[in-house]
Amino acid sequence: MQKTLPTRDGADKDLDDSFKWRSSGLDANNLMYAVNASRNYDPSPQLEKSPHLSCSSIPRTISSTRQSLALQNAKSESENARFVLIPISDETRGHGTHTKAVVWKQYLTELLEKSAH
């Protein structure tokens, strides 16, 4: 964000625009339901059953617990699982890298090709 919004005014405007966009039509009850639904979600019992990919681009300094869990999962990979730690680069955006398909598209393509029936 420092590269794309190098000034305080630019960053403030982007933040204001983001809040306006995110809050338009927002229903607080729906948001609470969605957040609460994910609190105890644990896909691990079903992971062995289907091909899946886990990518992480979160720096350890920001989310060391999450990174540790991802690395633990990488050690227990099955035939159907793949963990990819995406190195930080000019293309990554921390947690926001999930919206930058150019960074992880090749891994998804490989998974889809491998799991094609």
PDB file of N, CA and C in Angstrom:
ATOM      1  N   MET A   1       0.824  -1.188   0.000  1.00  0.00           N
ATOM      2  CA  MET A   1       0.000   0.000   0.000  1.00  0.00           C
ATOM      3  C   MET A   1       0.868   1.252   0.000  1.00  0.00           C
ATOM      4  N   GLN A   2       2.052   1.150   0.580  1.00  0.00           N
ATOM      5  CA  GLN A   2       2.929   2.310   0.589  1.00  0.00           C
ATOM      6  C   GLN A   2       3.356   2.692  -0.822  1.00  0.00           C
ATOM      7  N   LYS A   3       3.446   1.707  -1.710  1.00  0.00           N
ATOM      8  CA  LYS A   3       3.829   1.996  -3.090  1.00  0.00           C
ATOM      9  C   LYS A   3       2.669   2.606  -3.869  1.00  0.00           C
ATOM     10  N   THR A   4       1.457   2.096  -3.656  1.00  0.00           N
ATOM     11  CA  THR A   4       0.316   2.576  -4.422  1.00  0.00           C
ATOM     12  C   THR A   4      -0.340   3.802  -3.805  1.00  0.00           C
ATOM     13  N   LEU A   5      -0.145   4.008  -2.502  1.00  0.00           N
ATOM     14  CA  LEU A   5      -0.730   5.158  -1.808  1.00  0.00           C
ATOM     15  C   LEU A   5       0.355   5.840  -0.965  1.00  0.00           C
ATOM     16  N   PRO A   6       1.306   6.494  -1.616  1.00  0.00           N
ATOM     17  CA  PRO A   6       2.462   7.016  -0.890  1.00  0.00           C
ATOM     18  C   PRO A   6       2.192   8.264  -0.039  1.00  0.00           C
ATOM     19  N   THR A   7       1.053   8.924  -0.247  1.00  0.00           N
ATOM     20  CA  THR A   7       0.776  10.136   0.529  1.00  0.00           C
ATOM     21  C   THR A   7      -0.317   9.893   1.553  1.00  0.00           C
ATOM     22  N   ARG A   8      -0.315  10.675   2.600  1.00  0.00           N
ATOM     23  CA  ARG A   8      -1.348  10.565   3.634  1.00  0.00           C
ATOM     24  C   ARG A   8      -2.730  10.840   3.038  1.00  0.00           C
ATOM     25  N   ASP A   9      -2.837  11.878   2.198  1.00  0.00           N
ATOM     26  CA  ASP A   9      -4.137  12.206   1.605  1.00  0.00           C
ATOM     27  C   ASP A   9      -4.648  11.070   0.728  1.00  0.00           C
ATOM     28  N   GLY A  10      -3.754  10.471  -0.050  1.00  0.00           N
ATOM     29  CA  GLY A  10      -4.151   9.342  -0.896  1.00  0.00           C
ATOM     30  C   GLY A  10      -4.601   8.152  -0.068  1.00  0.00           C
ATOM     31  N   ALA A  11      -3.877   7.869   0.990  1.00  0.00           N
ATOM     32  CA  ALA A  11      -4.234   6.748   1.864  1.00  0.00           C
ATOM     33  C   ALA A  11      -5.561   7.010   2.568  1.00  0.00           C
ATOM     34  N   ASP A  12      -5.755   8.238   3.051  1.00  0.00           N
ATOM     35  CA  ASP A  12      -7.027   8.585   3.708  1.00  0.00           C
ATOM     36  C   ASP A  12      -8.198   8.458   2.750  1.00  0.00           C
ATOM     37  N   LYS A  13      -8.036   8.948   1.521  1.00  0.00           N
ATOM     38  CA  LYS A  13      -9.113   8.856   0.525  1.00  0.00           C
ATOM     39  C   LYS A  13      -9.419   7.392   0.208  1.00  0.00           C
ATOM     40  N   ASP A  14      -8.387   6.582   0.040  1.00  0.00           N
ATOM     41  CA  ASP A  14      -8.597   5.171  -0.248  1.00  0.00           C
ATOM     42  C   ASP A  14      -9.339   4.488   0.896  1.00  0.00           C
ATOM     43  N   LEU A  15      -8.966   4.796   2.125  1.00  0.00           N
ATOM     44  CA  LEU A  15      -9.624   4.213   3.288  1.00  0.00           C
ATOM     45  C   LEU A  15     -11.081   4.641   3.364  1.00  0.00           C
ATOM     46  N   ASP A  16     -11.342   5.934   3.156  1.00  0.00           N
ATOM     47  CA  ASP A  16     -12.724   6.429   3.156  1.00  0.00           C
ATOM     48  C   ASP A  16     -13.552   5.745   2.067  1.00  0.00           C
ATOM     49  N   ASP A  17     -12.993   5.659   0.858  1.00  0.00           N
ATOM     50  CA  ASP A  17     -13.699   5.003  -0.251  1.00  0.00           C
ATOM     51  C   ASP A  17     -13.971   3.539   0.063  1.00  0.00           C
ATOM     52  N   SER A  18     -12.988   2.884   0.670  1.00  0.00           N
ATOM     53  CA  SER A  18     -13.138   1.465   1.017  1.00  0.00           C
ATOM     54  C   SER A  18     -14.258   1.269   2.029  1.00  0.00           C
ATOM     55  N   PHE A  19     -14.298   2.106   3.051  1.00  0.00           N
ATOM     56  CA  PHE A  19     -15.364   1.990   4.051  1.00  0.00           C
ATOM     57  C   PHE A  19     -16.738   2.232   3.430  1.00  0.00           C
ATOM     58  N   LYS A  20     -16.826   3.225   2.550  1.00  0.00           N
ATOM     59  CA  LYS A  20     -18.107   3.512   1.891  1.00  0.00           C
ATOM     60  C   LYS A  20     -18.552   2.316   1.057  1.00  0.00           C
ATOM     61  N   TRP A  21     -17.606   1.753   0.280  1.00  0.00           N
ATOM     62  CA  TRP A  21     -17.939   0.626  -0.584  1.00  0.00           C
ATOM     63  C   TRP A  21     -18.338  -0.594   0.244  1.00  0.00           C
ATOM     64  N   ARG A  22     -17.572  -0.915   1.289  1.00  0.00           N
ATOM     65  CA  ARG A  22     -17.832  -2.098   2.099  1.00  0.00           C
ATOM     66  C   ARG A  22     -19.104  -1.977   2.931  1.00  0.00           C
ATOM     67  N   SER A  23     -19.445  -0.769   3.330  1.00  0.00           N
ATOM     68  CA  SER A  23     -20.607  -0.624   4.203  1.00  0.00           C
ATOM     69  C   SER A  23     -21.909  -0.399   3.449  1.00  0.00           C
ATOM     70  N   SER A  24     -21.838  -0.101   2.156  1.00  0.00           N
ATOM     71  CA  SER A  24     -23.086   0.102   1.411  1.00  0.00           C
ATOM     72  C   SER A  24     -23.803  -1.234   1.274  1.00  0.00           C
ATOM     73  N   GLY A  25     -25.016  -1.276   1.772  1.00  0.00           N
ATOM     74  CA  GLY A  25     -25.807  -2.499   1.713  1.00  0.00           C
ATOM     75  C   GLY A  25     -25.411  -3.545   2.739  1.00  0.00           C
ATOM     76  N   LEU A  26     -24.510  -3.196   3.634  1.00  0.00           N
ATOM     77  CA  LEU A  26     -24.066  -4.153   4.646  1.00  0.00           C
ATOM     78  C   LEU A  26     -25.152  -4.394   5.678  1.00  0.00           C
ATOM     79  N   ASP A  27     -25.416  -5.629   5.958  1.00  0.00           N
ATOM     80  CA  ASP A  27     -26.360  -5.990   7.012  1.00  0.00           C
ATOM     81  C   ASP A  27     -25.542  -6.535   8.176  1.00  0.00           C
ATOM     82  N   ALA A  28     -25.605  -5.870   9.313  1.00  0.00           N
ATOM     83  CA  ALA A  28     -24.791  -6.253  10.464  1.00  0.00           C
ATOM     84  C   ALA A  28     -25.065  -7.687  10.906  1.00  0.00           C
ATOM     85  N   ASN A  29     -26.316  -8.125  10.842  1.00  0.00           N
ATOM     86  CA  ASN A  29     -26.646  -9.497  11.244  1.00  0.00           C
ATOM     87  C   ASN A  29     -26.011 -10.518  10.311  1.00  0.00           C
ATOM     88  N   ASN A  30     -26.022 -10.233   9.013  1.00  0.00           N
ATOM     89  CA  ASN A  30     -25.381 -11.144   8.062  1.00  0.00           C
ATOM     90  C   ASN A  30     -23.881 -11.220   8.301  1.00  0.00           C
ATOM     91  N   LEU A  31     -23.272 -10.066   8.580  1.00  0.00           N
ATOM     92  CA  LEU A  31     -21.838 -10.045   8.848  1.00  0.00           C
ATOM     93  C   LEU A  31     -21.508 -10.845  10.098  1.00  0.00           C
ATOM     94  N   MET A  32     -22.279 -10.651  11.149  1.00  0.00           N
ATOM     95  CA  MET A  32     -22.055 -11.391  12.400  1.00  0.00           C
ATOM     96  C   MET A  32     -22.214 -12.900  12.170  1.00  0.00           C
ATOM     97  N   TYR A  33     -23.216 -13.285  11.396  1.00  0.00           N
ATOM     98  CA  TYR A  33     -23.439 -14.701  11.099  1.00  0.00           C
ATOM     99  C   TYR A  33     -22.240 -15.281  10.347  1.00  0.00           C
ATOM    100  N   ALA A  34     -21.771 -14.573   9.338  1.00  0.00           N
ATOM    101  CA  ALA A  34     -20.654 -15.068   8.528  1.00  0.00           C
ATOM    102  C   ALA A  34     -19.376 -15.193   9.359  1.00  0.00           C
ATOM    103  N   VAL A  35     -19.089 -14.192  10.163  1.00  0.00           N
ATOM    104  CA  VAL A  35     -17.888 -14.231  10.995  1.00  0.00           C
ATOM    105  C   VAL A  35     -17.995 -15.356  12.015  1.00  0.00           C
ATOM    106  N   ASN A  36     -19.132 -15.480  12.645  1.00  0.00           N
ATOM    107  CA  ASN A  36     -19.321 -16.514  13.659  1.00  0.00           C
ATOM    108  C   ASN A  36     -19.244 -17.921  13.049  1.00  0.00           C
ATOM    109  N   ALA A  37     -19.748 -18.072  11.838  1.00  0.00           N
ATOM    110  CA  ALA A  37     -19.739 -19.385  11.183  1.00  0.00           C
ATOM    111  C   ALA A  37     -18.319 -19.885  10.933  1.00  0.00           C
ATOM    112  N   SER A  38     -17.374 -18.978  10.784  1.00  0.00           N
ATOM    113  CA  SER A  38     -16.009 -19.393  10.481  1.00  0.00           C
ATOM    114  C   SER A  38     -15.144 -19.584  11.725  1.00  0.00           C
ATOM    115  N   ARG A  39     -15.642 -19.223  12.881  1.00  0.00           N
ATOM    116  CA  ARG A  39     -14.825 -19.274  14.095  1.00  0.00           C
ATOM    117  C   ARG A  39     -14.295 -20.668  14.424  1.00  0.00           C
ATOM    118  N   ASN A  40     -15.126 -21.663  14.330  1.00  0.00           N
ATOM    119  CA  ASN A  40     -14.727 -23.009  14.718  1.00  0.00           C
ATOM    120  C   ASN A  40     -14.633 -23.962  13.534  1.00  0.00           C
ATOM    121  N   TYR A  41     -14.561 -23.413  12.347  1.00  0.00           N
ATOM    122  CA  TYR A  41     -14.486 -24.248  11.147  1.00  0.00           C
ATOM    123  C   TYR A  41     -13.136 -24.946  11.097  1.00  0.00           C
ATOM    124  N   ASP A  42     -13.178 -26.255  10.942  1.00  0.00           N
ATOM    125  CA  ASP A  42     -11.952 -27.054  10.860  1.00  0.00           C
ATOM    126  C   ASP A  42     -12.109 -28.059   9.733  1.00  0.00           C
ATOM    127  N   PRO A  43     -11.523 -27.804   8.574  1.00  0.00           N
ATOM    128  CA  PRO A  43     -11.669 -28.713   7.441  1.00  0.00           C
ATOM    129  C   PRO A  43     -10.776 -29.947   7.513  1.00  0.00           C
ATOM    130  N   SER A  44      -9.879 -30.016   8.482  1.00  0.00           N
ATOM    131  CA  SER A  44      -8.864 -31.066   8.496  1.00  0.00           C
ATOM    132  C   SER A  44      -9.410 -32.495   8.442  1.00  0.00           C
ATOM    133  N   PRO A  45     -10.545 -32.833   9.071  1.00  0.00           N
ATOM    134  CA  PRO A  45     -11.010 -34.223   8.972  1.00  0.00           C
ATOM    135  C   PRO A  45     -11.349 -34.659   7.547  1.00  0.00           C
ATOM    136  N   GLN A  46     -11.651 -33.717   6.669  1.00  0.00           N
ATOM    137  CA  GLN A  46     -12.052 -34.055   5.303  1.00  0.00           C
ATOM    138  C   GLN A  46     -10.954 -33.807   4.267  1.00  0.00           C
ATOM    139  N   LEU A  47      -9.820 -33.288   4.687  1.00  0.00           N
ATOM    140  CA  LEU A  47      -8.798 -32.885   3.729  1.00  0.00           C
ATOM    141  C   LEU A  47      -8.225 -34.037   2.915  1.00  0.00           C
ATOM    142  N   GLU A  48      -8.175 -35.205   3.486  1.00  0.00           N
ATOM    143  CA  GLU A  48      -7.606 -36.342   2.761  1.00  0.00           C
ATOM    144  C   GLU A  48      -8.489 -36.796   1.596  1.00  0.00           C
ATOM    145  N   LYS A  49      -9.742 -36.386   1.584  1.00  0.00           N
ATOM    146  CA  LYS A  49     -10.707 -36.915   0.619  1.00  0.00           C
ATOM    147  C   LYS A  49     -10.697 -36.239  -0.744  1.00  0.00           C
ATOM    148  N   SER A  50     -10.187 -35.021  -0.833  1.00  0.00           N
ATOM    149  CA  SER A  50     -10.215 -34.344  -2.121  1.00  0.00           C
ATOM    150  C   SER A  50      -8.971 -33.481  -2.307  1.00  0.00           C
ATOM    151  N   PRO A  51      -8.593 -33.245  -3.560  1.00  0.00           N
ATOM    152  CA  PRO A  51      -7.416 -32.423  -3.834  1.00  0.00           C
ATOM    153  C   PRO A  51      -7.613 -31.008  -3.304  1.00  0.00           C
ATOM    154  N   HIS A  52      -6.572 -30.454  -2.734  1.00  0.00           N
ATOM    155  CA  HIS A  52      -6.664 -29.087  -2.252  1.00  0.00           C
ATOM    156  C   HIS A  52      -5.294 -28.420  -2.244  1.00  0.00           C
ATOM    157  N   LEU A  53      -5.349 -27.126  -2.219  1.00  0.00           N
ATOM    158  CA  LEU A  53      -4.153 -26.305  -2.270  1.00  0.00           C
ATOM    159  C   LEU A  53      -4.234 -25.262  -1.172  1.00  0.00           C
ATOM    160  N   SER A  54      -3.147 -25.077  -0.475  1.00  0.00           N
ATOM    161  CA  SER A  54      -3.066 -24.044   0.553  1.00  0.00           C
ATOM    162  C   SER A  54      -1.880 -23.159   0.215  1.00  0.00           C
ATOM    163  N   CYS A  55      -2.164 -21.892   0.001  1.00  0.00           N
ATOM    164  CA  CYS A  55      -1.108 -20.920  -0.292  1.00  0.00           C
ATOM    165  C   CYS A  55      -1.051 -19.909   0.836  1.00  0.00           C
ATOM    166  N   SER A  56       0.135 -19.516   1.193  1.00  0.00           N
ATOM    167  CA  SER A  56       0.294 -18.496   2.217  1.00  0.00           C
ATOM    168  C   SER A  56       1.314 -17.479   1.752  1.00  0.00           C
ATOM    169  N   SER A  57       0.955 -16.219   1.918  1.00  0.00           N
ATOM    170  CA  SER A  57       1.899 -15.146   1.608  1.00  0.00           C
ATOM    171  C   SER A  57       1.976 -14.182   2.780  1.00  0.00           C
ATOM    172  N   ILE A  58       1.481 -14.609   3.917  1.00  0.00           N
ATOM    173  CA  ILE A  58       1.460 -13.755   5.092  1.00  0.00           C
ATOM    174  C   ILE A  58       2.823 -13.804   5.768  1.00  0.00           C
ATOM    175  N   PRO A  59       3.455 -12.668   5.936  1.00  0.00           N
ATOM    176  CA  PRO A  59       4.753 -12.665   6.622  1.00  0.00           C
ATOM    177  C   PRO A  59       4.633 -13.194   8.043  1.00  0.00           C
ATOM    178  N   ARG A  60       5.599 -13.976   8.467  1.00  0.00           N
ATOM    179  CA  ARG A  60       5.555 -14.536   9.819  1.00  0.00           C
ATOM    180  C   ARG A  60       5.445 -13.466  10.888  1.00  0.00           C
ATOM    181  N   THR A  61       5.996 -12.318  10.622  1.00  0.00           N
ATOM    182  CA  THR A  61       5.950 -11.248  11.630  1.00  0.00           C
ATOM    183  C   THR A  61       4.532 -10.753  11.859  1.00  0.00           C
ATOM    184  N   ILE A  62       3.661 -10.923  10.872  1.00  0.00           N
ATOM    185  CA  ILE A  62       2.280 -10.452  11.015  1.00  0.00           C
ATOM    186  C   ILE A  62       1.400 -11.525  11.628  1.00  0.00           C
ATOM    187  N   SER A  63       1.583 -12.760  11.227  1.00  0.00           N
ATOM    188  CA  SER A  63       0.691 -13.817  11.694  1.00  0.00           C
ATOM    189  C   SER A  63       1.475 -15.096  11.956  1.00  0.00           C
ATOM    190  N   SER A  64       2.280 -15.095  12.980  1.00  0.00           N
ATOM    191  CA  SER A  64       3.142 -16.241  13.236  1.00  0.00           C
ATOM    192  C   SER A  64       2.344 -17.499  13.566  1.00  0.00           C
ATOM    193  N   THR A  65       1.219 -17.377  14.259  1.00  0.00           N
ATOM    194  CA  THR A  65       0.410 -18.548  14.581  1.00  0.00           C
ATOM    195  C   THR A  65      -0.140 -19.169  13.314  1.00  0.00           C
ATOM    196  N   ARG A  66      -0.693 -18.349  12.452  1.00  0.00           N
ATOM    197  CA  ARG A  66      -1.260 -18.854  11.205  1.00  0.00           C
ATOM    198  C   ARG A  66      -0.179 -19.478  10.325  1.00  0.00           C
ATOM    199  N   GLN A  67       0.973 -18.831  10.284  1.00  0.00           N
ATOM    200  CA  GLN A  67       2.080 -19.363   9.487  1.00  0.00           C
ATOM    201  C   GLN A  67       2.532 -20.707  10.040  1.00  0.00           C
ATOM    202  N   SER A  68       2.612 -20.826  11.343  1.00  0.00           N
ATOM    203  CA  SER A  68       3.024 -22.084  11.963  1.00  0.00           C
ATOM    204  C   SER A  68       2.050 -23.200  11.633  1.00  0.00           C
ATOM    205  N   LEU A  69       0.758 -22.896  11.664  1.00  0.00           N
ATOM    206  CA  LEU A  69      -0.243 -23.903  11.320  1.00  0.00           C
ATOM    207  C   LEU A  69      -0.109 -24.332   9.864  1.00  0.00           C
ATOM    208  N   ALA A  70       0.118 -23.370   8.988  1.00  0.00           N
ATOM    209  CA  ALA A  70       0.280 -23.690   7.572  1.00  0.00           C
ATOM    210  C   ALA A  70       1.502 -24.568   7.362  1.00  0.00           C
ATOM    211  N   LEU A  71       2.589 -24.263   8.034  1.00  0.00           N
ATOM    212  CA  LEU A  71       3.798 -25.074   7.892  1.00  0.00           C
ATOM    213  C   LEU A  71       3.602 -26.465   8.480  1.00  0.00           C
ATOM    214  N   GLN A  72       2.851 -26.578   9.571  1.00  0.00           N
ATOM    215  CA  GLN A  72       2.519 -27.901  10.131  1.00  0.00           C
ATOM    216  C   GLN A  72       1.734 -28.711   9.119  1.00  0.00           C
ATOM    217  N   ASN A  73       0.748 -28.078   8.489  1.00  0.00           N
ATOM    218  CA  ASN A  73      -0.055 -28.764   7.488  1.00  0.00           C
ATOM    219  C   ASN A  73       0.803 -29.195   6.308  1.00  0.00           C
ATOM    220  N   ALA A  74       1.784 -28.387   5.960  1.00  0.00           N
ATOM    221  CA  ALA A  74       2.663 -28.730   4.847  1.00  0.00           C
ATOM    222  C   ALA A  74       3.433 -30.005   5.142  1.00  0.00           C
ATOM    223  N   LYS A  75       3.830 -30.187   6.382  1.00  0.00           N
ATOM    224  CA  LYS A  75       4.567 -31.384   6.765  1.00  0.00           C
ATOM    225  C   LYS A  75       3.706 -32.632   6.692  1.00  0.00           C
ATOM    226  N   SER A  76       2.398 -32.465   6.823  1.00  0.00           N
ATOM    227  CA  SER A  76       1.506 -33.623   6.799  1.00  0.00           C
ATOM    228  C   SER A  76       0.750 -33.714   5.480  1.00  0.00           C
ATOM    229  N   GLU A  77       1.358 -33.207   4.416  1.00  0.00           N
ATOM    230  CA  GLU A  77       0.707 -33.254   3.111  1.00  0.00           C
ATOM    231  C   GLU A  77       0.436 -34.693   2.687  1.00  0.00           C
ATOM    232  N   SER A  78      -0.684 -34.881   2.045  1.00  0.00           N
ATOM    233  CA  SER A  78      -1.021 -36.171   1.468  1.00  0.00           C
ATOM    234  C   SER A  78      -0.841 -36.070  -0.042  1.00  0.00           C
ATOM    235  N   GLU A  79      -1.204 -37.136  -0.748  1.00  0.00           N
ATOM    236  CA  GLU A  79      -1.148 -37.091  -2.207  1.00  0.00           C
ATOM    237  C   GLU A  79      -2.029 -35.989  -2.764  1.00  0.00           C
ATOM    238  N   ASN A  80      -3.126 -35.712  -2.058  1.00  0.00           N
ATOM    239  CA  ASN A  80      -4.101 -34.738  -2.531  1.00  0.00           C
ATOM    240  C   ASN A  80      -3.808 -33.308  -2.093  1.00  0.00           C
ATOM    241  N   ALA A  81      -2.790 -33.118  -1.273  1.00  0.00           N
ATOM    242  CA  ALA A  81      -2.576 -31.800  -0.694  1.00  0.00           C
ATOM    243  C   ALA A  81      -1.266 -31.182  -1.156  1.00  0.00           C
ATOM    244  N   ARG A  82      -1.303 -29.875  -1.238  1.00  0.00           N
ATOM    245  CA  ARG A  82      -0.076 -29.154  -1.543  1.00  0.00           C
ATOM    246  C   ARG A  82      -0.105 -27.830  -0.790  1.00  0.00           C
ATOM    247  N   PHE A  83       1.000 -27.511  -0.156  1.00  0.00           N
ATOM    248  CA  PHE A  83       1.156 -26.235   0.519  1.00  0.00           C
ATOM    249  C   PHE A  83       2.211 -25.434  -0.226  1.00  0.00           C
ATOM    250  N   VAL A  84       1.914 -24.176  -0.490  1.00  0.00           N
ATOM    251  CA  VAL A  84       2.863 -23.305  -1.177  1.00  0.00           C
ATOM    252  C   VAL A  84       3.049 -22.050  -0.330  1.00  0.00           C
ATOM    253  N   LEU A  85       4.289 -21.780   0.034  1.00  0.00           N
ATOM    254  CA  LEU A  85       4.618 -20.535   0.722  1.00  0.00           C
ATOM    255  C   LEU A  85       5.108 -19.569  -0.347  1.00  0.00           C
ATOM    256  N   ILE A  86       4.326 -18.565  -0.623  1.00  0.00           N
ATOM    257  CA  ILE A  86       4.648 -17.617  -1.680  1.00  0.00           C
ATOM    258  C   ILE A  86       5.614 -16.569  -1.132  1.00  0.00           C
ATOM    259  N   PRO A  87       6.784 -16.460  -1.728  1.00  0.00           N
ATOM    260  CA  PRO A  87       7.752 -15.483  -1.239  1.00  0.00           C
ATOM    261  C   PRO A  87       7.223 -14.055  -1.407  1.00  0.00           C
ATOM    262  N   ILE A  88       7.534 -13.210  -0.466  1.00  0.00           N
ATOM    263  CA  ILE A  88       7.129 -11.817  -0.549  1.00  0.00           C
ATOM    264  C   ILE A  88       7.865 -11.182  -1.723  1.00  0.00           C
ATOM    265  N   SER A  89       7.108 -10.459  -2.542  1.00  0.00           N
ATOM    266  CA  SER A  89       7.682  -9.788  -3.711  1.00  0.00           C
ATOM    267  C   SER A  89       6.888  -8.517  -3.988  1.00  0.00           C
ATOM    268  N   ASP A  90       7.239  -7.840  -5.079  1.00  0.00           N
ATOM    269  CA  ASP A  90       6.475  -6.654  -5.473  1.00  0.00           C
ATOM    270  C   ASP A  90       5.052  -7.017  -5.883  1.00  0.00           C
ATOM    271  N   GLU A  91       4.809  -8.276  -6.248  1.00  0.00           N
ATOM    272  CA  GLU A  91       3.475  -8.726  -6.653  1.00  0.00           C
ATOM    273  C   GLU A  91       2.579  -9.086  -5.465  1.00  0.00           C
ATOM    274  N   THR A  92       3.163  -9.462  -4.331  1.00  0.00           N
ATOM    275  CA  THR A  92       2.347  -9.891  -3.200  1.00  0.00           C
ATOM    276  C   THR A  92       1.801  -8.683  -2.448  1.00  0.00           C
ATOM    277  N   ARG A  93       0.733  -8.929  -1.716  1.00  0.00           N
ATOM    278  CA  ARG A  93       0.062  -7.879  -0.939  1.00  0.00           C
ATOM    279  C   ARG A  93      -0.281  -8.380   0.456  1.00  0.00           C
ATOM    280  N   GLY A  94       0.600  -9.183   1.059  1.00  0.00           N
ATOM    281  CA  GLY A  94       0.294  -9.743   2.374  1.00  0.00           C
ATOM    282  C   GLY A  94      -0.984 -10.557   2.295  1.00  0.00           C
ATOM    283  N   HIS A  95      -1.883 -10.355   3.244  1.00  0.00           N
ATOM    284  CA  HIS A  95      -3.150 -11.088   3.236  1.00  0.00           C
ATOM    285  C   HIS A  95      -3.938 -10.824   1.950  1.00  0.00           C
ATOM    286  N   GLY A  96      -3.762  -9.648   1.371  1.00  0.00           N
ATOM    287  CA  GLY A  96      -4.482  -9.291   0.155  1.00  0.00           C
ATOM    288  C   GLY A  96      -4.006 -10.001  -1.101  1.00  0.00           C
ATOM    289  N   THR A  97      -2.991 -10.829  -0.985  1.00  0.00           N
ATOM    290  CA  THR A  97      -2.481 -11.547  -2.149  1.00  0.00           C
ATOM    291  C   THR A  97      -3.530 -12.496  -2.729  1.00  0.00           C
ATOM    292  N   HIS A  98      -4.524 -12.858  -1.934  1.00  0.00           N
ATOM    293  CA  HIS A  98      -5.563 -13.753  -2.456  1.00  0.00           C
ATOM    294  C   HIS A  98      -6.310 -13.131  -3.640  1.00  0.00           C
ATOM    295  N   THR A  99      -6.240 -11.817  -3.802  1.00  0.00           N
ATOM    296  CA  THR A  99      -6.897 -11.167  -4.930  1.00  0.00           C
ATOM    297  C   THR A  99      -5.956 -10.957  -6.112  1.00  0.00           C
ATOM    298  N   LYS A 100      -4.723 -11.404  -6.000  1.00  0.00           N
ATOM    299  CA  LYS A 100      -3.730 -11.251  -7.066  1.00  0.00           C
ATOM    300  C   LYS A 100      -3.445 -12.608  -7.706  1.00  0.00           C
ATOM    301  N   ALA A 101      -4.324 -13.015  -8.600  1.00  0.00           N
ATOM    302  CA  ALA A 101      -4.221 -14.350  -9.195  1.00  0.00           C
ATOM    303  C   ALA A 101      -2.889 -14.590  -9.892  1.00  0.00           C
ATOM    304  N   VAL A 102      -2.263 -13.557 -10.387  1.00  0.00           N
ATOM    305  CA  VAL A 102      -0.981 -13.730 -11.073  1.00  0.00           C
ATOM    306  C   VAL A 102       0.044 -14.410 -10.165  1.00  0.00           C
ATOM    307  N   VAL A 103      -0.111 -14.249  -8.855  1.00  0.00           N
ATOM    308  CA  VAL A 103       0.844 -14.797  -7.896  1.00  0.00           C
ATOM    309  C   VAL A 103       0.618 -16.286  -7.654  1.00  0.00           C
ATOM    310  N   TRP A 104      -0.632 -16.740  -7.647  1.00  0.00           N
ATOM    311  CA  TRP A 104      -0.931 -18.135  -7.287  1.00  0.00           C
ATOM    312  C   TRP A 104      -1.606 -18.941  -8.386  1.00  0.00           C
ATOM    313  N   LYS A 105      -1.878 -18.321  -9.522  1.00  0.00           N
ATOM    314  CA  LYS A 105      -2.602 -18.996 -10.605  1.00  0.00           C
ATOM    315  C   LYS A 105      -1.916 -20.284 -11.062  1.00  0.00           C
ATOM    316  N   GLN A 106      -0.596 -20.281 -11.179  1.00  0.00           N
ATOM    317  CA  GLN A 106       0.107 -21.471 -11.667  1.00  0.00           C
ATOM    318  C   GLN A 106      -0.137 -22.674 -10.753  1.00  0.00           C
ATOM    319  N   TYR A 107      -0.230 -22.440  -9.443  1.00  0.00           N
ATOM    320  CA  TYR A 107      -0.457 -23.537  -8.502  1.00  0.00           C
ATOM    321  C   TYR A 107      -1.877 -24.072  -8.616  1.00  0.00           C
ATOM    322  N   LEU A 108      -2.829 -23.179  -8.830  1.00  0.00           N
ATOM    323  CA  LEU A 108      -4.216 -23.611  -9.022  1.00  0.00           C
ATOM    324  C   LEU A 108      -4.353 -24.385 -10.331  1.00  0.00           C
ATOM    325  N   THR A 109      -3.698 -23.900 -11.366  1.00  0.00           N
ATOM    326  CA  THR A 109      -3.731 -24.596 -12.656  1.00  0.00           C
ATOM    327  C   THR A 109      -3.184 -26.018 -12.520  1.00  0.00           C
ATOM    328  N   GLU A 110      -2.067 -26.159 -11.806  1.00  0.00           N
ATOM    329  CA  GLU A 110      -1.483 -27.486 -11.587  1.00  0.00           C
ATOM    330  C   GLU A 110      -2.448 -28.394 -10.826  1.00  0.00           C
ATOM    331  N   LEU A 111      -3.117 -27.865  -9.804  1.00  0.00           N
ATOM    332  CA  LEU A 111      -4.077 -28.655  -9.040  1.00  0.00           C
ATOM    333  C   LEU A 111      -5.242 -29.107  -9.911  1.00  0.00           C
ATOM    334  N   LEU A 112      -5.760 -28.186 -10.727  1.00  0.00           N
ATOM    335  CA  LEU A 112      -6.888 -28.535 -11.594  1.00  0.00           C
ATOM    336  C   LEU A 112      -6.485 -29.575 -12.642  1.00  0.00           C
ATOM    337  N   GLU A 113      -5.293 -29.448 -13.184  1.00  0.00           N
ATOM    338  CA  GLU A 113      -4.820 -30.435 -14.163  1.00  0.00           C
ATOM    339  C   GLU A 113      -4.631 -31.799 -13.497  1.00  0.00           C
ATOM    340  N   LYS A 114      -4.083 -31.816 -12.310  1.00  0.00           N
ATOM    341  CA  LYS A 114      -3.842 -33.073 -11.595  1.00  0.00           C
ATOM    342  C   LYS A 114      -5.150 -33.751 -11.212  1.00  0.00           C
ATOM    343  N   SER A 115      -6.168 -32.961 -10.868  1.00  0.00           N
ATOM    344  CA  SER A 115      -7.407 -33.550 -10.369  1.00  0.00           C
ATOM    345  C   SER A 115      -8.468 -33.708 -11.450  1.00  0.00           C
ATOM    346  N   ALA A 116      -8.131 -33.381 -12.713  1.00  0.00           N
ATOM    347  CA  ALA A 116      -9.108 -33.529 -13.812  1.00  0.00           C
ATOM    348  C   ALA A 116      -9.494 -34.993 -13.982  1.00  0.00           C
ATOM    349  N   HIS A 117     -10.752 -35.211 -14.227  1.00  0.00           N
ATOM    350  CA  HIS A 117     -11.234 -36.596 -14.411  1.00  0.00           C
ATOM    351  C   HIS A 117     -11.581 -36.861 -15.833  1.00  0.00           C
TER     352      HIS A 117
END
